[in-house]
C-alpha atoms as a PDB file:
ATOM      1  CA  UNK A   1      -9.290  21.019  14.084  1.00  0.00           C
ATOM      2  CA  UNK A   2      -9.960  17.331  15.053  1.00  0.00           C
ATOM      3  CA  UNK A   3      -8.856  16.832  18.687  1.00  0.00           C
ATOM      4  CA  UNK A   4      -6.109  14.505  18.867  1.00  0.00           C
ATOM      5  CA  UNK A   5      -8.211  11.169  20.103  1.00  0.00           C
ATOM      6  CA  UNK A   6      -9.235  12.002  16.768  1.00  0.00           C
ATOM      7  CA  UNK A   7      -6.293  11.682  15.057  1.00  0.00           C
ATOM      8  CA  UNK A   8      -4.909   8.952  16.642  1.00  0.00           C
ATOM      9  CA  UNK A   9      -7.473   6.916  15.266  1.00  0.00           C
ATOM     10  CA  UNK A  10      -7.697   8.326  11.610  1.00  0.00           C
ATOM     11  CA  UNK A  11      -3.819   8.118  11.227  1.00  0.00           C
ATOM     12  CA  UNK A  12      -4.379   4.132  12.596  1.00  0.00           C
ATOM     13  CA  UNK A  13      -7.073   3.661  10.492  1.00  0.00           C
ATOM     14  CA  UNK A  14      -5.218   5.360   7.706  1.00  0.00           C
ATOM     15  CA  UNK A  15      -2.463   2.796   8.707  1.00  0.00           C
ATOM     16  CA  UNK A  16      -3.604  -0.095   7.983  1.00  0.00           C
ATOM     17  CA  UNK A  17      -5.644   0.395   4.355  1.00  0.00           C
ATOM     18  CA  UNK A  18      -2.133   1.521   3.474  1.00  0.00           C
ATOM     19  CA  UNK A  19      -1.194  -1.841   4.844  1.00  0.00           C
ATOM     20  CA  UNK A  20      -3.304  -3.794   3.476  1.00  0.00           C
ATOM     21  CA  UNK A  21      -3.203  -2.388  -0.293  1.00  0.00           C
ATOM     22  CA  UNK A  22       0.872  -3.086  -0.151  1.00  0.00           C
ATOM     23  CA  UNK A  23      -0.088  -6.210   0.160  1.00  0.00           C
ATOM     24  CA  UNK A  24      -2.106  -6.695  -1.675  1.00  0.00           C
ATOM     25  CA  UNK A  25       0.697  -5.513  -3.690  1.00  0.00           C
ATOM     26  CA  UNK A  26       2.896  -8.670  -2.537  1.00  0.00           C
ATOM     27  CA  UNK A  27       0.097 -11.065  -4.125  1.00  0.00           C
ATOM     28  CA  UNK A  28      -0.720  -9.116  -7.006  1.00  0.00           C
ATOM     29  CA  UNK A  29       1.451 -10.236 -10.966  1.00  0.00           C
ATOM     30  CA  UNK A  30       1.764  -8.325 -13.766  1.00  0.00           C
ATOM     31  CA  UNK A  31       1.103  -4.671 -11.806  1.00  0.00           C
ATOM     32  CA  UNK A  32       2.497  -1.862 -13.783  1.00  0.00           C
ATOM     33  CA  UNK A  33       5.940  -0.189 -12.663  1.00  0.00           C
ATOM     34  CA  UNK A  34       2.985   3.159 -11.930  1.00  0.00           C
ATOM     35  CA  UNK A  35       0.810   1.601  -9.624  1.00  0.00           C
ATOM     36  CA  UNK A  36       4.374  -0.480  -7.466  1.00  0.00           C
ATOM     37  CA  UNK A  37       5.394   2.476  -6.839  1.00  0.00           C
ATOM     38  CA  UNK A  38       2.872   4.955  -5.793  1.00  0.00           C
ATOM     39  CA  UNK A  39       1.894   1.938  -2.976  1.00  0.00           C
ATOM     40  CA  UNK A  40       5.798   1.599  -1.887  1.00  0.00           C
ATOM     41  CA  UNK A  41       5.567   5.239  -1.585  1.00  0.00           C
ATOM     42  CA  UNK A  42       2.144   5.760   0.422  1.00  0.00           C
ATOM     43  CA  UNK A  43       3.725   2.844   2.517  1.00  0.00           C
ATOM     44  CA  UNK A  44       7.052   4.354   3.457  1.00  0.00           C
ATOM     45  CA  UNK A  45       4.881   7.614   4.286  1.00  0.00           C
ATOM     46  CA  UNK A  46       2.640   5.308   6.283  1.00  0.00           C
ATOM     47  CA  UNK A  47       5.635   4.533   8.718  1.00  0.00           C
ATOM     48  CA  UNK A  48       6.401   8.355   9.297  1.00  0.00           C
ATOM     49  CA  UNK A  49       2.941   8.637  10.662  1.00  0.00           C
ATOM     50  CA  UNK A  50       3.997   7.445  14.225  1.00  0.00           C
ATOM     51  CA  UNK A  51       7.408   9.832  14.119  1.00  0.00           C
ATOM     52  CA  UNK A  52       5.230  13.082  13.140  1.00  0.00           C
ATOM     53  CA  UNK A  53       3.019  12.780  15.753  1.00  0.00           C
ATOM     54  CA  UNK A  54       5.610  12.157  17.907  1.00  0.00           C
ATOM     55  CA  UNK A  55       5.927  16.168  17.288  1.00  0.00           C
ATOM     56  CA  UNK A  56       2.183  17.096  17.333  1.00  0.00           C
ATOM     57  CA  UNK A  57       2.951  19.553  14.834  1.00  0.00           C
ATOM     58  CA  UNK A  58      -1.101  20.277  12.721  1.00  0.00           C
ATOM     59  CA  UNK A  59       0.391  21.551   9.838  1.00  0.00           C
ATOM     60  CA  UNK A  60       3.048  18.043   8.966  1.00  0.00           C
ATOM     61  CA  UNK A  61       0.470  15.920  10.131  1.00  0.00           C
ATOM     62  CA  UNK A  62      -1.948  18.165   7.534  1.00  0.00           C
ATOM     63  CA  UNK A  63       1.027  17.982   4.472  1.00  0.00           C
ATOM     64  CA  UNK A  64       2.035  14.447   5.295  1.00  0.00           C
ATOM     65  CA  UNK A  65      -1.841  13.819   4.763  1.00  0.00           C
ATOM     66  CA  UNK A  66      -2.391  15.690   1.746  1.00  0.00           C
ATOM     67  CA  UNK A  67       0.814  14.241  -0.001  1.00  0.00           C
ATOM     68  CA  UNK A  68      -0.592  10.735   0.862  1.00  0.00           C
ATOM     69  CA  UNK A  69      -4.044  12.246  -0.644  1.00  0.00           C
ATOM     70  CA  UNK A  70      -2.586  13.042  -3.852  1.00  0.00           C
ATOM     71  CA  UNK A  71      -0.182   9.547  -4.047  1.00  0.00           C
ATOM     72  CA  UNK A  72      -3.557   7.722  -2.660  1.00  0.00           C
ATOM     73  CA  UNK A  73      -5.335   8.950  -6.408  1.00  0.00           C
ATOM     74  CA  UNK A  74      -2.274   8.767  -8.567  1.00  0.00           C
ATOM     75  CA  UNK A  75      -2.943   4.514  -7.346  1.00  0.00           C
ATOM     76  CA  UNK A  76      -6.519   4.821  -7.543  1.00  0.00           C
ATOM     77  CA  UNK A  77      -6.383   6.162 -11.256  1.00  0.00           C
ATOM     78  CA  UNK A  78      -5.042   3.842 -12.113  1.00  0.00           C
ATOM     79  CA  UNK A  79      -6.718   1.186 -11.142  1.00  0.00           C
ATOM     80  CA  UNK A  80      -9.343   2.207 -12.667  1.00  0.00           C
ATOM     81  CA  UNK A  81      -8.058   2.707 -15.867  1.00  0.00           C
ATOM     82  CA  UNK A  82      -9.373  -0.406 -17.395  1.00  0.00           C
ATOM     83  CA  UNK A  83      -6.236  -3.186 -15.967  1.00  0.00           C
ATOM     84  CA  UNK A  84      -6.702  -6.172 -15.457  1.00  0.00           C
ATOM     85  CA  UNK A  85      -6.094  -6.015 -11.183  1.00  0.00           C
ATOM     86  CA  UNK A  86      -7.762  -8.728  -8.746  1.00  0.00           C
ATOM     87  CA  UNK A  87     -10.568  -7.179  -7.066  1.00  0.00           C
ATOM     88  CA  UNK A  88      -8.810  -7.556  -3.272  1.00  0.00           C
ATOM     89  CA  UNK A  89      -6.271  -5.242  -5.056  1.00  0.00           C
ATOM     90  CA  UNK A  90      -8.509  -1.967  -6.422  1.00  0.00           C
ATOM     91  CA  UNK A  91     -10.893  -2.845  -3.174  1.00  0.00           C
ATOM     92  CA  UNK A  92      -7.889  -1.857  -1.429  1.00  0.00           C
ATOM     93  CA  UNK A  93      -6.309   1.062  -2.976  1.00  0.00           C
ATOM     94  CA  UNK A  94      -9.943   2.337  -3.206  1.00  0.00           C
ATOM     95  CA  UNK A  95     -10.734   2.085   0.466  1.00  0.00           C
ATOM     96  CA  UNK A  96      -6.713   3.717   1.321  1.00  0.00           C
ATOM     97  CA  UNK A  97      -7.916   6.183  -1.453  1.00  0.00           C
ATOM     98  CA  UNK A  98     -11.276   7.259   0.204  1.00  0.00           C
ATOM     99  CA  UNK A  99      -9.120   6.475   4.076  1.00  0.00           C
ATOM    100  CA  UNK A 100      -7.005   9.396   3.120  1.00  0.00           C
ATOM    101  CA  UNK A 101      -9.857  11.566   0.807  1.00  0.00           C
ATOM    102  CA  UNK A 102     -12.163  11.993   3.871  1.00  0.00           C
ATOM    103  CA  UNK A 103      -9.183  12.691   6.413  1.00  0.00           C
ATOM    104  CA  UNK A 104      -7.700  14.460   4.277  1.00  0.00           C
ATOM    105  CA  UNK A 105     -11.627  16.631   4.149  1.00  0.00           C
ATOM    106  CA  UNK A 106     -11.911  16.833   7.803  1.00  0.00           C
ATOM    107  CA  UNK A 107      -8.941  18.131   8.372  1.00  0.00           C
ATOM    108  CA  UNK A 108      -9.040  21.491   6.300  1.00  0.00           C
END
């Protein structure tokens, strides 16, 4: 299992990546509702990271990251479906998904 400091560091990186995707979302016009919904859900889940860390429950952390990675994967799929999206949007979603995917792999 990962150490507490590494978990905190990874979760902080995830919060930053989700925040960047949320910022890109607010700057983007004509986004599909599906992508907007995924990023907004991820943003809300990202807000829960601190409270889940305070509980010190590894199973909740794993569940949260699993759920977030699934949403990140769906958001990434929308971005790669050939839609006209800005480079900033695509980059933010890819970074967010990569952070989530990598951390999920390390947790399991």
